[in-house]
Amino acid sequence: MTKVSKDTATQIEVGDGFEGRYIDTDGYTIGFEQYSVDMDPAPLFAGLPDDACQSPHWGYVIVGQVDFRYTDGTSEEVRAGEAYYARPGHTPVLHVGTEVVEFSPSEELAKTMAVVMGNLSSMASSS
């Protein structure tokens, strides 16, 4: 059995209104994320198929709310105390004060995050 916590996660990412702590466990990334601003990161997914996240995620909202918009036109709101499955082909909308724990296949997540980080870097250098 592998067990991890927010405090034992080895990769820490901090940005405007965001903190994420991650660890890879046998091909799955476990992420502890919190948001201190409302955020619609849809532009960061530009360049991926349908300009949407291609990694599936399973998660649990500890506090707050996460919304998912799908490329087929559907959407979901997930509130505190609810677990979720976000299938590939989505973009999230994050709300201030939200905290989640999320589980994602590391390989698919890495492919998506490479594009997201490239877009983030491009946006930062053009500001």
C-alpha atoms as a PDB file:
ATOM      1  CA  MET A   1       0.000   0.000   0.000  1.00  0.00           C
ATOM      2  CA  THR A   2       1.158   3.488  -0.766  1.00  0.00           C
ATOM      3  CA  LYS A   3      -0.160   6.323   1.289  1.00  0.00           C
ATOM      4  CA  VAL A   4       0.552  10.000   0.788  1.00  0.00           C
ATOM      5  CA  SER A   5      -0.574  13.298   2.196  1.00  0.00           C
ATOM      6  CA  LYS A   6      -0.425  16.913   1.210  1.00  0.00           C
ATOM      7  CA  ASP A   7       2.620  17.246   3.458  1.00  0.00           C
ATOM      8  CA  THR A   8       4.489  14.297   1.915  1.00  0.00           C
ATOM      9  CA  ALA A   9       3.844  15.207  -1.736  1.00  0.00           C
ATOM     10  CA  THR A  10       7.190  15.758  -3.446  1.00  0.00           C
ATOM     11  CA  GLN A  11       6.304  18.144  -6.282  1.00  0.00           C
ATOM     12  CA  ILE A  12       5.002  21.594  -5.306  1.00  0.00           C
ATOM     13  CA  GLU A  13       3.591  24.044  -7.867  1.00  0.00           C
ATOM     14  CA  VAL A  14       2.555  27.561  -6.871  1.00  0.00           C
ATOM     15  CA  GLY A  15       0.989  30.214  -9.093  1.00  0.00           C
ATOM     16  CA  ASP A  16      -1.339  33.177  -8.880  1.00  0.00           C
ATOM     17  CA  GLY A  17      -4.270  31.887  -6.860  1.00  0.00           C
ATOM     18  CA  PHE A  18      -3.137  28.262  -6.966  1.00  0.00           C
ATOM     19  CA  GLU A  19      -1.122  25.759  -4.987  1.00  0.00           C
ATOM     20  CA  GLY A  20      -0.729  22.132  -5.995  1.00  0.00           C
ATOM     21  CA  ARG A  21       1.201  19.341  -4.313  1.00  0.00           C
ATOM     22  CA  TYR A  22       1.715  16.145  -6.293  1.00  0.00           C
ATOM     23  CA  ILE A  23       3.254  12.717  -6.086  1.00  0.00           C
ATOM     24  CA  ASP A  24       3.425   9.888  -8.618  1.00  0.00           C
ATOM     25  CA  THR A  25       2.437   6.513  -7.212  1.00  0.00           C
ATOM     26  CA  ASP A  26       2.813   3.557  -9.561  1.00  0.00           C
ATOM     27  CA  GLY A  27       1.681   5.418 -12.685  1.00  0.00           C
ATOM     28  CA  TYR A  28      -0.959   7.615 -11.080  1.00  0.00           C
ATOM     29  CA  THR A  29      -0.479  11.187  -9.933  1.00  0.00           C
ATOM     30  CA  ILE A  30      -2.192  12.164  -6.709  1.00  0.00           C
ATOM     31  CA  GLY A  31      -2.710  15.907  -6.448  1.00  0.00           C
ATOM     32  CA  PHE A  32      -3.723  18.109  -3.548  1.00  0.00           C
ATOM     33  CA  GLU A  33      -4.879  21.432  -5.012  1.00  0.00           C
ATOM     34  CA  GLN A  34      -6.273  24.632  -3.576  1.00  0.00           C
ATOM     35  CA  TYR A  35      -7.468  27.815  -5.264  1.00  0.00           C
ATOM     36  CA  SER A  36      -7.559  31.291  -3.732  1.00  0.00           C
ATOM     37  CA  VAL A  37      -9.091  33.026  -6.772  1.00  0.00           C
ATOM     38  CA  ASP A  38     -11.818  32.217  -9.277  1.00  0.00           C
ATOM     39  CA  MET A  39     -10.128  30.725 -12.308  1.00  0.00           C
ATOM     40  CA  ASP A  40     -11.138  29.697 -15.826  1.00  0.00           C
ATOM     41  CA  PRO A  41      -7.966  28.150 -17.260  1.00  0.00           C
ATOM     42  CA  ALA A  42      -9.563  27.142 -20.605  1.00  0.00           C
ATOM     43  CA  PRO A  43      -7.019  29.171 -22.672  1.00  0.00           C
ATOM     44  CA  LEU A  44      -4.210  27.058 -21.202  1.00  0.00           C
ATOM     45  CA  PHE A  45      -5.543  23.971 -23.007  1.00  0.00           C
ATOM     46  CA  ALA A  46      -5.247  25.547 -26.481  1.00  0.00           C
ATOM     47  CA  GLY A  47      -3.412  23.226 -28.844  1.00  0.00           C
ATOM     48  CA  LEU A  48      -4.694  20.001 -27.308  1.00  0.00           C
ATOM     49  CA  PRO A  49      -7.374  18.078 -29.217  1.00  0.00           C
ATOM     50  CA  ASP A  50     -10.568  20.172 -29.058  1.00  0.00           C
ATOM     51  CA  ASP A  51      -8.568  22.625 -26.860  1.00  0.00           C
ATOM     52  CA  ALA A  52      -9.479  20.497 -23.837  1.00  0.00           C
ATOM     53  CA  CYS A  53      -7.760  18.395 -21.188  1.00  0.00           C
ATOM     54  CA  GLN A  54      -7.122  14.889 -22.485  1.00  0.00           C
ATOM     55  CA  SER A  55      -6.452  13.242 -19.125  1.00  0.00           C
ATOM     56  CA  PRO A  56      -9.175  11.611 -17.067  1.00  0.00           C
ATOM     57  CA  HIS A  57      -9.328  12.596 -13.401  1.00  0.00           C
ATOM     58  CA  TRP A  58     -11.003  11.099 -10.366  1.00  0.00           C
ATOM     59  CA  GLY A  59     -11.322  13.438  -7.418  1.00  0.00           C
ATOM     60  CA  TYR A  60     -13.017  14.652  -4.297  1.00  0.00           C
ATOM     61  CA  VAL A  61     -13.962  18.239  -3.467  1.00  0.00           C
ATOM     62  CA  ILE A  62     -13.048  18.926   0.147  1.00  0.00           C
ATOM     63  CA  VAL A  63     -14.206  22.557   0.179  1.00  0.00           C
ATOM     64  CA  GLY A  64     -15.741  24.764  -2.508  1.00  0.00           C
ATOM     65  CA  GLN A  65     -16.794  23.871  -6.043  1.00  0.00           C
ATOM     66  CA  VAL A  66     -15.288  22.774  -9.353  1.00  0.00           C
ATOM     67  CA  ASP A  67     -17.180  22.936 -12.641  1.00  0.00           C
ATOM     68  CA  PHE A  68     -16.326  20.882 -15.711  1.00  0.00           C
ATOM     69  CA  ARG A  69     -17.250  21.871 -19.266  1.00  0.00           C
ATOM     70  CA  TYR A  70     -17.083  19.114 -21.866  1.00  0.00           C
ATOM     71  CA  THR A  71     -16.475  19.349 -25.583  1.00  0.00           C
ATOM     72  CA  ASP A  72     -19.862  17.707 -26.236  1.00  0.00           C
ATOM     73  CA  GLY A  73     -21.575  20.776 -24.713  1.00  0.00           C
ATOM     74  CA  THR A  74     -22.418  19.232 -21.343  1.00  0.00           C
ATOM     75  CA  SER A  75     -21.211  20.525 -17.991  1.00  0.00           C
ATOM     76  CA  GLU A  76     -21.155  19.452 -14.355  1.00  0.00           C
ATOM     77  CA  GLU A  77     -20.885  21.244 -11.017  1.00  0.00           C
ATOM     78  CA  VAL A  78     -19.129  19.331  -8.251  1.00  0.00           C
ATOM     79  CA  ARG A  79     -19.487  20.685  -4.723  1.00  0.00           C
ATOM     80  CA  ALA A  80     -17.866  20.043  -1.353  1.00  0.00           C
ATOM     81  CA  GLY A  81     -18.405  16.487  -0.195  1.00  0.00           C
ATOM     82  CA  GLU A  82     -18.824  15.094  -3.723  1.00  0.00           C
ATOM     83  CA  ALA A  83     -16.514  12.790  -5.669  1.00  0.00           C
ATOM     84  CA  TYR A  84     -16.134  13.120  -9.429  1.00  0.00           C
ATOM     85  CA  TYR A  85     -14.866  11.557 -12.612  1.00  0.00           C
ATOM     86  CA  ALA A  86     -13.849  14.081 -15.270  1.00  0.00           C
ATOM     87  CA  ARG A  87     -13.541  12.263 -18.568  1.00  0.00           C
ATOM     88  CA  PRO A  88     -11.086  13.387 -21.265  1.00  0.00           C
ATOM     89  CA  GLY A  89     -12.343  16.343 -23.301  1.00  0.00           C
ATOM     90  CA  HIS A  90     -13.027  18.811 -20.491  1.00  0.00           C
ATOM     91  CA  THR A  91     -11.923  22.181 -19.169  1.00  0.00           C
ATOM     92  CA  PRO A  92     -12.312  23.035 -15.483  1.00  0.00           C
ATOM     93  CA  VAL A  93     -13.662  26.192 -13.889  1.00  0.00           C
ATOM     94  CA  LEU A  94     -12.289  26.676 -10.381  1.00  0.00           C
ATOM     95  CA  HIS A  95     -13.754  28.733  -7.563  1.00  0.00           C
ATOM     96  CA  VAL A  96     -12.113  30.733  -4.796  1.00  0.00           C
ATOM     97  CA  GLY A  97     -11.637  28.728  -1.601  1.00  0.00           C
ATOM     98  CA  THR A  98     -11.805  25.348  -3.348  1.00  0.00           C
ATOM     99  CA  GLU A  99      -9.665  22.401  -2.259  1.00  0.00           C
ATOM    100  CA  VAL A 100      -9.594  19.055  -4.056  1.00  0.00           C
ATOM    101  CA  VAL A 101      -7.749  15.765  -4.028  1.00  0.00           C
ATOM    102  CA  GLU A 102      -7.390  14.394  -7.546  1.00  0.00           C
ATOM    103  CA  PHE A 103      -6.087  11.151  -9.085  1.00  0.00           C
ATOM    104  CA  SER A 104      -4.878  11.073 -12.694  1.00  0.00           C
ATOM    105  CA  PRO A 105      -2.955   8.636 -14.918  1.00  0.00           C
ATOM    106  CA  SER A 106       0.542  10.145 -14.888  1.00  0.00           C
ATOM    107  CA  GLU A 107       1.323   9.598 -18.579  1.00  0.00           C
ATOM    108  CA  GLU A 108      -1.842  11.281 -19.870  1.00  0.00           C
ATOM    109  CA  LEU A 109      -1.528  14.063 -17.311  1.00  0.00           C
ATOM    110  CA  ALA A 110       2.085  14.760 -18.341  1.00  0.00           C
ATOM    111  CA  LYS A 111       1.098  15.129 -22.010  1.00  0.00           C
ATOM    112  CA  THR A 112      -1.630  17.623 -21.126  1.00  0.00           C
ATOM    113  CA  MET A 113       0.540  19.521 -18.651  1.00  0.00           C
ATOM    114  CA  ALA A 114       3.334  19.949 -21.211  1.00  0.00           C
ATOM    115  CA  VAL A 115       0.924  21.931 -23.407  1.00  0.00           C
ATOM    116  CA  VAL A 116      -0.563  23.812 -20.433  1.00  0.00           C
ATOM    117  CA  MET A 117       2.879  24.842 -19.165  1.00  0.00           C
ATOM    118  CA  GLY A 118       3.939  25.935 -22.667  1.00  0.00           C
ATOM    119  CA  ASN A 119       0.824  28.090 -22.956  1.00  0.00           C
ATOM    120  CA  LEU A 120       1.384  29.525 -19.485  1.00  0.00           C
ATOM    121  CA  SER A 121       4.970  30.396 -20.376  1.00  0.00           C
ATOM    122  CA  SER A 122       3.891  32.043 -23.643  1.00  0.00           C
ATOM    123  CA  MET A 123       1.239  34.095 -21.868  1.00  0.00           C
ATOM    124  CA  ALA A 124       3.720  35.208 -19.190  1.00  0.00           C
ATOM    125  CA  SER A 125       6.332  36.303 -21.727  1.00  0.00           C
ATOM    126  CA  SER A 126       3.792  38.302 -23.756  1.00  0.00           C
ATOM    127  CA  SER A 127       2.565  40.234 -20.681  1.00  0.00           C
END
